[in-house]
Amino acid sequence: MKKLILLMTLIFIPFQAFSEEIVVVDVEFVIKNSNQGKRAIKQMQKLVKKAEKEKVAAQEKLMKARMDMEKRAPVLNEKARMKEARALEKQFMDFQKKTYKDQQTLAEKEMELTDPIVENIRQVISDYSKEKGYDLVVSSTPSLVFFASEKKDITDKILSIYNTKHK
């Protein structure tokens, strides 16, 4: 019975009593619009562009090798055709491995660039929240928060403080 009373009390406590200490921050917005975040994005774009250029060149080389093999196939004996087909298949497998490795490398680099930014943002949010007396700061990620009043959004303030502290 005591548990039921406690549960009912918790359910019926007005949410408004807590809402003054709850604020939201769009951390992704802060990352993308902070000075450090913009530099990280530019750096990642360069790396992605370079990787894409290399991938396209490797694809073109594979296509050329395949077309060359198809042209020579009618004049090759079965053993020679099979040998060239295996060589082409190996090239294709190597291409796939390199593409996968490049994707992993890009993901690792992105984390390497953004992890310190996220940690710094976390510290700015923590310091600011303590200063303002906030009890809870919620990420305004759309999949987590369905509605938040703009009055409770401190994203712009956090971005401003972050850029001041981390040029």
Foldseek 3Di string as FASTA:
>chain_A
DVVVVVVVVVVPDDCVVQVVQEFEAAVVCLLCPAPLSVVLVVVLVVLVVVLVVVLVVLVVVLVVLVVVLVVCVVVDDPVVNVVSVVVSVVSVVVSVVVNVVSVVVSVVSSCVSCVVVSVLLVVLVVVVSVVVVHPYYHYVDCVVDVDDDPVRYCHVVSSVVSNVVPD
